């Protein structure tokens, strides 16, 4: 049985190498994201025999224990097989079947090959992650991005001399975000009831509380001296950056295009890939992410242990 412990900031230095080396650029394989989303997923971790195991305790039920696919060296299939067997044994110890969440395509293929007929594997389009090259988002080159460039130019003309974009570098700037976020969520919740928004707000508050400890970086957009939007994210590896949060005042038309472009310009350095996460099946979100012409998608799968009734 695996010995899981809650995810804590002091464990970051131990865990980051697993996420960076074996996480495949997926936003689900992120110390920062897991920590911020602890209220939803309740991630607990175990490092054993060269693999990082993650239990999503917040998603477990009486029948299923929910895990992420173990992160470790896949060059030796016997060690991968043993890592998966460790998960299955852990689930059985609780009288449960095992379920793997947001499994990448390569991990799903390993399960098919190493455990034929053992798992039910289903692709989940709503959990596919959108990846873009750095230059696609920072420069918006080419005919396909002409409308984005036009909208940004319109914003810059409209607010010329009235807006500034600044990188978040101090605790005082982080503290400025809190009242803006409180107003943003209050306005949204007046119009609709959305559990996902509440969970996201909780994750944002956690992220702001530990902003620099979590290696977060971000920007603030000011119009007429007041905050009109903010965005932040964190590295997933040396070559991939995760855009975690973007929030803007919709009264400032095209504010989200500024946030999208300038976060990459100011915070991503020479990072080759930008992960803009999933669309969760939300039509408007999918349309917006596709409009930036992703260079590739990380396909994701839900995997359940095939249990005979």
C-alpha atoms as a PDB file:
ATOM      1  CA  UNK A   1       0.000   0.000   0.000  1.00  0.00           C
ATOM      2  CA  UNK A   2       1.224   3.473  -0.834  1.00  0.00           C
ATOM      3  CA  UNK A   3       1.720   5.998   1.962  1.00  0.00           C
ATOM      4  CA  UNK A   4       0.219   9.297   0.840  1.00  0.00           C
ATOM      5  CA  UNK A   5       0.798  12.644   2.505  1.00  0.00           C
ATOM      6  CA  UNK A   6      -0.811  16.071   1.936  1.00  0.00           C
ATOM      7  CA  UNK A   7       0.873  18.346  -0.582  1.00  0.00           C
ATOM      8  CA  UNK A   8       2.896  20.998   1.248  1.00  0.00           C
ATOM      9  CA  UNK A   9       5.165  23.815   0.107  1.00  0.00           C
ATOM     10  CA  UNK A  10       8.248  22.359   1.859  1.00  0.00           C
ATOM     11  CA  UNK A  11       7.868  19.290  -0.398  1.00  0.00           C
ATOM     12  CA  UNK A  12       8.215  21.405  -3.542  1.00  0.00           C
ATOM     13  CA  UNK A  13      11.944  20.869  -4.015  1.00  0.00           C
ATOM     14  CA  UNK A  14      11.503  17.086  -3.816  1.00  0.00           C
ATOM     15  CA  UNK A  15       8.543  16.955  -6.189  1.00  0.00           C
ATOM     16  CA  UNK A  16       9.405  19.515  -8.883  1.00  0.00           C
ATOM     17  CA  UNK A  17      11.933  17.261 -10.683  1.00  0.00           C
ATOM     18  CA  UNK A  18       9.198  14.672 -11.279  1.00  0.00           C
ATOM     19  CA  UNK A  19       6.788  17.238 -12.714  1.00  0.00           C
ATOM     20  CA  UNK A  20       9.467  18.926 -14.820  1.00  0.00           C
ATOM     21  CA  UNK A  21      11.040  15.773 -16.242  1.00  0.00           C
ATOM     22  CA  UNK A  22       8.047  13.462 -16.627  1.00  0.00           C
ATOM     23  CA  UNK A  23       4.981  15.739 -16.706  1.00  0.00           C
ATOM     24  CA  UNK A  24       4.802  16.011 -20.539  1.00  0.00           C
ATOM     25  CA  UNK A  25       3.921  19.709 -20.292  1.00  0.00           C
ATOM     26  CA  UNK A  26       0.479  18.928 -18.876  1.00  0.00           C
ATOM     27  CA  UNK A  27      -1.074  21.477 -16.527  1.00  0.00           C
ATOM     28  CA  UNK A  28      -2.309  18.568 -14.388  1.00  0.00           C
ATOM     29  CA  UNK A  29       1.303  17.631 -13.648  1.00  0.00           C
ATOM     30  CA  UNK A  30       2.084  20.800 -11.735  1.00  0.00           C
ATOM     31  CA  UNK A  31       3.040  21.321  -8.107  1.00  0.00           C
ATOM     32  CA  UNK A  32       1.673  24.860  -8.215  1.00  0.00           C
ATOM     33  CA  UNK A  33      -1.678  23.891  -9.734  1.00  0.00           C
ATOM     34  CA  UNK A  34      -2.132  20.903  -7.419  1.00  0.00           C
ATOM     35  CA  UNK A  35      -1.401  23.043  -4.368  1.00  0.00           C
ATOM     36  CA  UNK A  36      -3.763  25.826  -5.444  1.00  0.00           C
ATOM     37  CA  UNK A  37      -6.537  23.376  -6.308  1.00  0.00           C
ATOM     38  CA  UNK A  38      -6.243  21.447  -3.043  1.00  0.00           C
ATOM     39  CA  UNK A  39      -9.780  22.457  -2.082  1.00  0.00           C
ATOM     40  CA  UNK A  40     -11.173  20.689  -5.151  1.00  0.00           C
ATOM     41  CA  UNK A  41      -8.833  17.761  -5.720  1.00  0.00           C
ATOM     42  CA  UNK A  42      -7.282  17.245  -2.298  1.00  0.00           C
ATOM     43  CA  UNK A  43      -4.098  15.950  -3.914  1.00  0.00           C
ATOM     44  CA  UNK A  44      -1.901  13.781  -1.719  1.00  0.00           C
ATOM     45  CA  UNK A  45       1.490  12.519  -2.836  1.00  0.00           C
ATOM     46  CA  UNK A  46       3.855   9.624  -2.326  1.00  0.00           C
ATOM     47  CA  UNK A  47       7.392   9.220  -3.674  1.00  0.00           C
ATOM     48  CA  UNK A  48       8.479   5.598  -3.836  1.00  0.00           C
ATOM     49  CA  UNK A  49      11.045   3.695  -5.917  1.00  0.00           C
ATOM     50  CA  UNK A  50      11.625   6.564  -8.347  1.00  0.00           C
ATOM     51  CA  UNK A  51       7.944   7.367  -9.033  1.00  0.00           C
ATOM     52  CA  UNK A  52       5.674  10.172  -7.880  1.00  0.00           C
ATOM     53  CA  UNK A  53       2.167   8.948  -7.064  1.00  0.00           C
ATOM     54  CA  UNK A  54      -0.758  11.355  -6.674  1.00  0.00           C
ATOM     55  CA  UNK A  55      -4.059  10.514  -5.002  1.00  0.00           C
ATOM     56  CA  UNK A  56      -6.959  12.858  -5.779  1.00  0.00           C
ATOM     57  CA  UNK A  57      -8.629  12.333  -2.421  1.00  0.00           C
ATOM     58  CA  UNK A  58     -11.303  14.931  -3.137  1.00  0.00           C
ATOM     59  CA  UNK A  59     -12.623  12.834  -6.045  1.00  0.00           C
ATOM     60  CA  UNK A  60     -12.580   9.432  -4.350  1.00  0.00           C
ATOM     61  CA  UNK A  61     -15.782   7.555  -3.614  1.00  0.00           C
ATOM     62  CA  UNK A  62     -16.741   4.400  -1.753  1.00  0.00           C
ATOM     63  CA  UNK A  63     -16.139   2.393  -4.944  1.00  0.00           C
ATOM     64  CA  UNK A  64     -13.197   4.177  -6.554  1.00  0.00           C
ATOM     65  CA  UNK A  65      -9.834   5.622  -5.572  1.00  0.00           C
ATOM     66  CA  UNK A  66      -8.774   8.328  -8.013  1.00  0.00           C
ATOM     67  CA  UNK A  67      -5.149   8.867  -9.042  1.00  0.00           C
ATOM     68  CA  UNK A  68      -2.969  10.600 -11.586  1.00  0.00           C
ATOM     69  CA  UNK A  69      -0.756   8.356 -13.690  1.00  0.00           C
ATOM     70  CA  UNK A  70       2.536   7.743 -11.818  1.00  0.00           C
ATOM     71  CA  UNK A  71       5.350  10.055 -12.886  1.00  0.00           C
ATOM     72  CA  UNK A  72       8.755   8.471 -13.370  1.00  0.00           C
ATOM     73  CA  UNK A  73      11.186   7.007 -15.885  1.00  0.00           C
ATOM     74  CA  UNK A  74       9.301   5.056 -18.568  1.00  0.00           C
ATOM     75  CA  UNK A  75      12.340   3.634 -20.332  1.00  0.00           C
ATOM     76  CA  UNK A  76      11.983   0.363 -18.442  1.00  0.00           C
ATOM     77  CA  UNK A  77       8.485  -0.987 -18.884  1.00  0.00           C
ATOM     78  CA  UNK A  78       8.875  -3.423 -15.992  1.00  0.00           C
ATOM     79  CA  UNK A  79       9.221  -0.493 -13.571  1.00  0.00           C
ATOM     80  CA  UNK A  80       6.208   1.261 -15.117  1.00  0.00           C
ATOM     81  CA  UNK A  81       4.191  -1.924 -14.802  1.00  0.00           C
ATOM     82  CA  UNK A  82       5.168  -2.205 -11.161  1.00  0.00           C
ATOM     83  CA  UNK A  83       4.235   1.437 -10.516  1.00  0.00           C
ATOM     84  CA  UNK A  84       0.746   0.878 -11.941  1.00  0.00           C
ATOM     85  CA  UNK A  85       0.413  -2.340  -9.955  1.00  0.00           C
ATOM     86  CA  UNK A  86       1.276  -0.363  -6.813  1.00  0.00           C
ATOM     87  CA  UNK A  87      -1.693   1.902  -7.535  1.00  0.00           C
ATOM     88  CA  UNK A  88      -4.019  -1.058  -8.117  1.00  0.00           C
ATOM     89  CA  UNK A  89      -2.874  -2.670  -4.876  1.00  0.00           C
ATOM     90  CA  UNK A  90      -3.422   0.585  -2.994  1.00  0.00           C
ATOM     91  CA  UNK A  91      -6.980   0.821  -4.312  1.00  0.00           C
ATOM     92  CA  UNK A  92      -7.708  -2.821  -3.424  1.00  0.00           C
ATOM     93  CA  UNK A  93      -6.480  -2.226   0.128  1.00  0.00           C
ATOM     94  CA  UNK A  94      -9.456   0.139   0.487  1.00  0.00           C
ATOM     95  CA  UNK A  95     -11.875  -2.217  -1.240  1.00  0.00           C
ATOM     96  CA  UNK A  96     -11.967   0.042  -4.292  1.00  0.00           C
ATOM     97  CA  UNK A  97     -11.270  -0.019  -8.003  1.00  0.00           C
ATOM     98  CA  UNK A  98      -8.655   2.386  -9.376  1.00  0.00           C
ATOM     99  CA  UNK A  99      -9.416   5.310 -11.639  1.00  0.00           C
ATOM    100  CA  UNK A 100      -6.837   7.497 -13.382  1.00  0.00           C
ATOM    101  CA  UNK A 101      -7.759  11.089 -14.206  1.00  0.00           C
ATOM    102  CA  UNK A 102      -6.501  13.201 -17.146  1.00  0.00           C
ATOM    103  CA  UNK A 103      -4.155  10.563 -18.532  1.00  0.00           C
ATOM    104  CA  UNK A 104      -1.963  11.634 -21.444  1.00  0.00           C
ATOM    105  CA  UNK A 105      -2.000   9.798 -24.764  1.00  0.00           C
ATOM    106  CA  UNK A 106       1.394   8.176 -24.194  1.00  0.00           C
ATOM    107  CA  UNK A 107       0.388   6.960 -20.725  1.00  0.00           C
ATOM    108  CA  UNK A 108      -2.914   5.602 -22.062  1.00  0.00           C
ATOM    109  CA  UNK A 109      -1.000   3.670 -24.724  1.00  0.00           C
ATOM    110  CA  UNK A 110       1.270   2.191 -22.064  1.00  0.00           C
ATOM    111  CA  UNK A 111      -1.754   0.983 -20.127  1.00  0.00           C
ATOM    112  CA  UNK A 112      -3.205  -0.626 -23.256  1.00  0.00           C
ATOM    113  CA  UNK A 113       0.052  -2.422 -23.994  1.00  0.00           C
ATOM    114  CA  UNK A 114       1.112  -3.446 -20.502  1.00  0.00           C
ATOM    115  CA  UNK A 115      -2.346  -4.331 -19.187  1.00  0.00           C
ATOM    116  CA  UNK A 116      -4.415  -5.554 -22.160  1.00  0.00           C
ATOM    117  CA  UNK A 117      -8.109  -5.601 -21.334  1.00  0.00           C
ATOM    118  CA  UNK A 118      -7.488  -4.438 -17.769  1.00  0.00           C
ATOM    119  CA  UNK A 119      -8.705  -0.865 -18.203  1.00  0.00           C
ATOM    120  CA  UNK A 120     -11.573   1.007 -19.814  1.00  0.00           C
ATOM    121  CA  UNK A 121      -9.981   3.955 -21.613  1.00  0.00           C
ATOM    122  CA  UNK A 122     -12.053   6.877 -22.924  1.00  0.00           C
ATOM    123  CA  UNK A 123     -10.796  10.053 -24.555  1.00  0.00           C
ATOM    124  CA  UNK A 124     -12.125  13.264 -22.987  1.00  0.00           C
ATOM    125  CA  UNK A 125     -12.002  16.140 -25.473  1.00  0.00           C
ATOM    126  CA  UNK A 126     -13.019  18.659 -22.828  1.00  0.00           C
ATOM    127  CA  UNK A 127      -9.803  17.921 -20.919  1.00  0.00           C
ATOM    128  CA  UNK A 128      -7.471  18.305 -23.896  1.00  0.00           C
ATOM    129  CA  UNK A 129      -4.893  21.009 -23.217  1.00  0.00           C
ATOM    130  CA  UNK A 130      -4.034  23.750 -25.717  1.00  0.00           C
ATOM    131  CA  UNK A 131      -0.351  24.330 -26.464  1.00  0.00           C
ATOM    132  CA  UNK A 132       1.042  27.257 -28.440  1.00  0.00           C
ATOM    133  CA  UNK A 133       4.553  28.250 -29.385  1.00  0.00           C
ATOM    134  CA  UNK A 134       5.893  31.292 -27.570  1.00  0.00           C
ATOM    135  CA  UNK A 135       5.997  33.409 -30.730  1.00  0.00           C
ATOM    136  CA  UNK A 136       2.435  32.551 -31.738  1.00  0.00           C
ATOM    137  CA  UNK A 137       1.088  34.286 -28.629  1.00  0.00           C
ATOM    138  CA  UNK A 138       3.772  36.938 -28.149  1.00  0.00           C
ATOM    139  CA  UNK A 139       3.981  38.129 -31.762  1.00  0.00           C
ATOM    140  CA  UNK A 140       0.616  37.087 -33.266  1.00  0.00           C
ATOM    141  CA  UNK A 141       2.182  36.813 -36.709  1.00  0.00           C
ATOM    142  CA  UNK A 142       0.494  35.830 -39.951  1.00  0.00           C
ATOM    143  CA  UNK A 143      -2.855  36.293 -41.663  1.00  0.00           C
ATOM    144  CA  UNK A 144      -4.725  34.106 -39.180  1.00  0.00           C
ATOM    145  CA  UNK A 145      -3.811  36.493 -36.338  1.00  0.00           C
ATOM    146  CA  UNK A 146      -4.667  39.699 -38.227  1.00  0.00           C
ATOM    147  CA  UNK A 147      -7.909  40.272 -36.314  1.00  0.00           C
ATOM    148  CA  UNK A 148      -6.097  39.854 -32.983  1.00  0.00           C
ATOM    149  CA  UNK A 149      -3.497  42.431 -33.984  1.00  0.00           C
ATOM    150  CA  UNK A 150      -6.257  44.800 -35.108  1.00  0.00           C
ATOM    151  CA  UNK A 151      -8.117  44.484 -31.789  1.00  0.00           C
ATOM    152  CA  UNK A 152      -4.936  45.064 -29.814  1.00  0.00           C
ATOM    153  CA  UNK A 153      -4.095  48.132 -31.875  1.00  0.00           C
ATOM    154  CA  UNK A 154      -7.613  49.468 -31.227  1.00  0.00           C
ATOM    155  CA  UNK A 155      -7.188  48.931 -27.473  1.00  0.00           C
ATOM    156  CA  UNK A 156      -3.811  50.677 -27.506  1.00  0.00           C
ATOM    157  CA  UNK A 157      -5.226  53.675 -29.381  1.00  0.00           C
ATOM    158  CA  UNK A 158      -8.300  53.941 -27.186  1.00  0.00           C
ATOM    159  CA  UNK A 159      -6.318  53.847 -23.952  1.00  0.00           C
ATOM    160  CA  UNK A 160      -3.163  55.591 -25.158  1.00  0.00           C
ATOM    161  CA  UNK A 161      -1.548  57.359 -22.209  1.00  0.00           C
ATOM    162  CA  UNK A 162      -4.128  55.857 -19.867  1.00  0.00           C
ATOM    163  CA  UNK A 163      -3.016  52.240 -19.519  1.00  0.00           C
ATOM    164  CA  UNK A 164       0.126  50.495 -18.323  1.00  0.00           C
ATOM    165  CA  UNK A 165       1.147  46.846 -18.015  1.00  0.00           C
ATOM    166  CA  UNK A 166       3.448  45.888 -15.173  1.00  0.00           C
ATOM    167  CA  UNK A 167       5.037  42.630 -14.142  1.00  0.00           C
ATOM    168  CA  UNK A 168       4.143  41.497 -10.610  1.00  0.00           C
ATOM    169  CA  UNK A 169       7.301  41.810  -8.550  1.00  0.00           C
ATOM    170  CA  UNK A 170       6.222  42.830  -5.030  1.00  0.00           C
ATOM    171  CA  UNK A 171       3.855  41.656  -2.324  1.00  0.00           C
ATOM    172  CA  UNK A 172       2.109  45.024  -2.530  1.00  0.00           C
ATOM    173  CA  UNK A 173       1.162  44.291  -6.136  1.00  0.00           C
ATOM    174  CA  UNK A 174      -0.156  40.863  -5.157  1.00  0.00           C
ATOM    175  CA  UNK A 175      -2.251  42.493  -2.446  1.00  0.00           C
ATOM    176  CA  UNK A 176      -3.740  44.878  -5.021  1.00  0.00           C
ATOM    177  CA  UNK A 177      -5.277  41.915  -6.823  1.00  0.00           C
ATOM    178  CA  UNK A 178      -7.415  40.791  -3.889  1.00  0.00           C
ATOM    179  CA  UNK A 179     -10.091  43.566  -3.985  1.00  0.00           C
ATOM    180  CA  UNK A 180     -10.241  43.380  -7.789  1.00  0.00           C
ATOM    181  CA  UNK A 181     -10.802  39.614  -7.658  1.00  0.00           C
ATOM    182  CA  UNK A 182     -13.423  40.042  -4.912  1.00  0.00           C
ATOM    183  CA  UNK A 183     -15.355  42.464  -7.128  1.00  0.00           C
ATOM    184  CA  UNK A 184     -14.920  40.255 -10.202  1.00  0.00           C
ATOM    185  CA  UNK A 185     -16.317  37.143  -8.514  1.00  0.00           C
ATOM    186  CA  UNK A 186     -19.117  39.070  -6.783  1.00  0.00           C
ATOM    187  CA  UNK A 187     -20.317  40.486 -10.103  1.00  0.00           C
ATOM    188  CA  UNK A 188     -20.259  37.075 -11.767  1.00  0.00           C
ATOM    189  CA  UNK A 189     -22.053  35.335  -8.905  1.00  0.00           C
ATOM    190  CA  UNK A 190     -24.816  37.953  -8.984  1.00  0.00           C
ATOM    191  CA  UNK A 191     -25.665  36.827 -12.529  1.00  0.00           C
ATOM    192  CA  UNK A 192     -25.177  33.091 -12.170  1.00  0.00           C
ATOM    193  CA  UNK A 193     -24.512  30.354  -9.662  1.00  0.00           C
ATOM    194  CA  UNK A 194     -21.395  28.464 -10.602  1.00  0.00           C
ATOM    195  CA  UNK A 195     -19.645  25.986  -8.322  1.00  0.00           C
ATOM    196  CA  UNK A 196     -16.657  25.926 -10.675  1.00  0.00           C
ATOM    197  CA  UNK A 197     -16.223  29.691 -10.285  1.00  0.00           C
ATOM    198  CA  UNK A 198     -16.300  29.329  -6.508  1.00  0.00           C
ATOM    199  CA  UNK A 199     -13.641  26.620  -6.649  1.00  0.00           C
ATOM    200  CA  UNK A 200     -11.530  28.748  -8.971  1.00  0.00           C
ATOM    201  CA  UNK A 201     -11.858  31.726  -6.618  1.00  0.00           C
ATOM    202  CA  UNK A 202     -10.647  29.552  -3.758  1.00  0.00           C
ATOM    203  CA  UNK A 203      -7.661  28.462  -5.874  1.00  0.00           C
ATOM    204  CA  UNK A 204      -6.884  32.100  -6.718  1.00  0.00           C
ATOM    205  CA  UNK A 205      -6.920  33.094  -3.063  1.00  0.00           C
ATOM    206  CA  UNK A 206      -4.556  30.226  -2.256  1.00  0.00           C
ATOM    207  CA  UNK A 207      -2.258  31.239  -5.111  1.00  0.00           C
ATOM    208  CA  UNK A 208      -2.163  34.870  -4.009  1.00  0.00           C
ATOM    209  CA  UNK A 209      -1.410  33.874  -0.428  1.00  0.00           C
ATOM    210  CA  UNK A 210       1.679  31.922  -1.529  1.00  0.00           C
ATOM    211  CA  UNK A 211       2.469  33.734  -4.780  1.00  0.00           C
ATOM    212  CA  UNK A 212       6.246  33.842  -4.657  1.00  0.00           C
ATOM    213  CA  UNK A 213       6.664  30.564  -2.754  1.00  0.00           C
ATOM    214  CA  UNK A 214       4.850  28.832  -5.632  1.00  0.00           C
ATOM    215  CA  UNK A 215       7.096  30.334  -8.343  1.00  0.00           C
ATOM    216  CA  UNK A 216       4.136  32.223  -9.795  1.00  0.00           C
ATOM    217  CA  UNK A 217       4.723  35.151 -12.116  1.00  0.00           C
ATOM    218  CA  UNK A 218       2.223  37.536 -13.613  1.00  0.00           C
ATOM    219  CA  UNK A 219       1.130  40.949 -14.826  1.00  0.00           C
ATOM    220  CA  UNK A 220      -1.231  43.732 -13.822  1.00  0.00           C
ATOM    221  CA  UNK A 221      -3.001  45.956 -16.358  1.00  0.00           C
ATOM    222  CA  UNK A 222      -3.911  49.422 -15.093  1.00  0.00           C
ATOM    223  CA  UNK A 223      -6.319  51.842 -16.768  1.00  0.00           C
ATOM    224  CA  UNK A 224      -6.529  55.368 -15.352  1.00  0.00           C
ATOM    225  CA  UNK A 225      -4.515  54.195 -12.343  1.00  0.00           C
ATOM    226  CA  UNK A 226      -6.844  51.360 -11.346  1.00  0.00           C
ATOM    227  CA  UNK A 227      -6.515  47.639 -11.993  1.00  0.00           C
ATOM    228  CA  UNK A 228      -8.411  46.534 -15.093  1.00  0.00           C
ATOM    229  CA  UNK A 229      -7.047  42.999 -15.194  1.00  0.00           C
ATOM    230  CA  UNK A 230      -4.407  40.557 -14.083  1.00  0.00           C
ATOM    231  CA  UNK A 231      -2.940  37.264 -15.212  1.00  0.00           C
ATOM    232  CA  UNK A 232      -0.456  34.791 -13.809  1.00  0.00           C
ATOM    233  CA  UNK A 233       1.017  31.365 -14.289  1.00  0.00           C
ATOM    234  CA  UNK A 234       3.987  29.134 -13.484  1.00  0.00           C
ATOM    235  CA  UNK A 235       6.521  26.936 -15.261  1.00  0.00           C
ATOM    236  CA  UNK A 236       5.591  23.334 -15.980  1.00  0.00           C
ATOM    237  CA  UNK A 237       9.143  22.558 -17.066  1.00  0.00           C
ATOM    238  CA  UNK A 238      12.150  24.324 -18.537  1.00  0.00           C
ATOM    239  CA  UNK A 239      10.346  24.403 -21.899  1.00  0.00           C
ATOM    240  CA  UNK A 240       6.669  24.908 -20.983  1.00  0.00           C
ATOM    241  CA  UNK A 241       4.757  27.606 -19.078  1.00  0.00           C
ATOM    242  CA  UNK A 242       1.231  27.203 -17.687  1.00  0.00           C
ATOM    243  CA  UNK A 243      -1.168  30.165 -18.014  1.00  0.00           C
ATOM    244  CA  UNK A 244      -3.286  29.539 -14.938  1.00  0.00           C
ATOM    245  CA  UNK A 245      -5.439  32.631 -14.380  1.00  0.00           C
ATOM    246  CA  UNK A 246      -6.617  35.591 -16.471  1.00  0.00           C
ATOM    247  CA  UNK A 247      -9.218  38.015 -15.109  1.00  0.00           C
ATOM    248  CA  UNK A 248     -10.238  41.301 -16.676  1.00  0.00           C
ATOM    249  CA  UNK A 249     -12.843  44.042 -16.494  1.00  0.00           C
ATOM    250  CA  UNK A 250     -15.044  43.378 -19.512  1.00  0.00           C
ATOM    251  CA  UNK A 251     -15.936  47.063 -19.642  1.00  0.00           C
ATOM    252  CA  UNK A 252     -12.456  47.434 -21.128  1.00  0.00           C
ATOM    253  CA  UNK A 253     -12.996  45.803 -24.498  1.00  0.00           C
ATOM    254  CA  UNK A 254     -10.237  43.393 -25.559  1.00  0.00           C
ATOM    255  CA  UNK A 255      -8.614  43.441 -22.124  1.00  0.00           C
ATOM    256  CA  UNK A 256      -8.228  39.658 -22.340  1.00  0.00           C
ATOM    257  CA  UNK A 257      -6.219  39.965 -25.538  1.00  0.00           C
ATOM    258  CA  UNK A 258      -3.803  42.277 -23.726  1.00  0.00           C
ATOM    259  CA  UNK A 259      -3.543  39.849 -20.812  1.00  0.00           C
ATOM    260  CA  UNK A 260      -2.972  36.913 -23.170  1.00  0.00           C
ATOM    261  CA  UNK A 261      -0.202  38.581 -25.159  1.00  0.00           C
ATOM    262  CA  UNK A 262       1.611  40.510 -22.454  1.00  0.00           C
ATOM    263  CA  UNK A 263       1.779  37.718 -19.882  1.00  0.00           C
ATOM    264  CA  UNK A 264       3.749  35.731 -22.459  1.00  0.00           C
ATOM    265  CA  UNK A 265       5.905  38.716 -23.396  1.00  0.00           C
ATOM    266  CA  UNK A 266       6.771  39.713 -19.840  1.00  0.00           C
ATOM    267  CA  UNK A 267       6.818  36.438 -17.910  1.00  0.00           C
ATOM    268  CA  UNK A 268       7.666  33.560 -20.232  1.00  0.00           C
ATOM    269  CA  UNK A 269      11.154  34.561 -21.329  1.00  0.00           C
ATOM    270  CA  UNK A 270      12.383  32.157 -23.997  1.00  0.00           C
ATOM    271  CA  UNK A 271      10.041  29.358 -22.929  1.00  0.00           C
ATOM    272  CA  UNK A 272       9.240  27.376 -26.073  1.00  0.00           C
ATOM    273  CA  UNK A 273       5.679  26.300 -25.250  1.00  0.00           C
ATOM    274  CA  UNK A 274       2.718  27.976 -23.580  1.00  0.00           C
ATOM    275  CA  UNK A 275      -0.032  25.765 -22.113  1.00  0.00           C
ATOM    276  CA  UNK A 276      -3.408  27.516 -21.934  1.00  0.00           C
ATOM    277  CA  UNK A 277      -5.080  24.561 -20.257  1.00  0.00           C
ATOM    278  CA  UNK A 278      -8.420  22.911 -21.019  1.00  0.00           C
ATOM    279  CA  UNK A 279     -11.724  24.325 -22.239  1.00  0.00           C
ATOM    280  CA  UNK A 280     -13.796  22.000 -19.983  1.00  0.00           C
ATOM    281  CA  UNK A 281     -16.366  21.664 -22.742  1.00  0.00           C
ATOM    282  CA  UNK A 282     -17.438  25.328 -22.449  1.00  0.00           C
ATOM    283  CA  UNK A 283     -18.348  26.424 -25.977  1.00  0.00           C
ATOM    284  CA  UNK A 284     -17.166  30.034 -25.655  1.00  0.00           C
ATOM    285  CA  UNK A 285     -13.906  29.014 -24.028  1.00  0.00           C
ATOM    286  CA  UNK A 286     -13.223  26.438 -26.733  1.00  0.00           C
ATOM    287  CA  UNK A 287     -13.900  28.987 -29.461  1.00  0.00           C
ATOM    288  CA  UNK A 288     -11.538  31.488 -27.830  1.00  0.00           C
ATOM    289  CA  UNK A 289      -8.713  28.970 -27.433  1.00  0.00           C
ATOM    290  CA  UNK A 290      -9.099  27.679 -30.982  1.00  0.00           C
ATOM    291  CA  UNK A 291      -9.070  31.238 -32.339  1.00  0.00           C
ATOM    292  CA  UNK A 292      -5.388  31.489 -31.369  1.00  0.00           C
ATOM    293  CA  UNK A 293      -4.632  28.450 -33.569  1.00  0.00           C
ATOM    294  CA  UNK A 294      -3.032  26.023 -31.106  1.00  0.00           C
ATOM    295  CA  UNK A 295       0.092  24.324 -32.397  1.00  0.00           C
ATOM    296  CA  UNK A 296      -0.936  21.084 -30.746  1.00  0.00           C
ATOM    297  CA  UNK A 297      -3.333  19.567 -28.232  1.00  0.00           C
ATOM    298  CA  UNK A 298      -2.383  17.306 -25.365  1.00  0.00           C
ATOM    299  CA  UNK A 299      -5.044  14.635 -25.697  1.00  0.00           C
ATOM    300  CA  UNK A 300      -6.380  13.413 -22.358  1.00  0.00           C
ATOM    301  CA  UNK A 301      -8.101  10.216 -21.303  1.00  0.00           C
ATOM    302  CA  UNK A 302     -10.154   8.913 -18.389  1.00  0.00           C
ATOM    303  CA  UNK A 303      -9.109   5.412 -17.352  1.00  0.00           C
ATOM    304  CA  UNK A 304     -11.094   3.045 -15.160  1.00  0.00           C
ATOM    305  CA  UNK A 305     -10.101  -0.356 -13.918  1.00  0.00           C
ATOM    306  CA  UNK A 306     -12.341  -2.906 -15.616  1.00  0.00           C
ATOM    307  CA  UNK A 307     -14.001  -4.626 -12.659  1.00  0.00           C
ATOM    308  CA  UNK A 308     -16.111  -7.730 -13.151  1.00  0.00           C
ATOM    309  CA  UNK A 309     -19.458  -7.472 -11.416  1.00  0.00           C
END
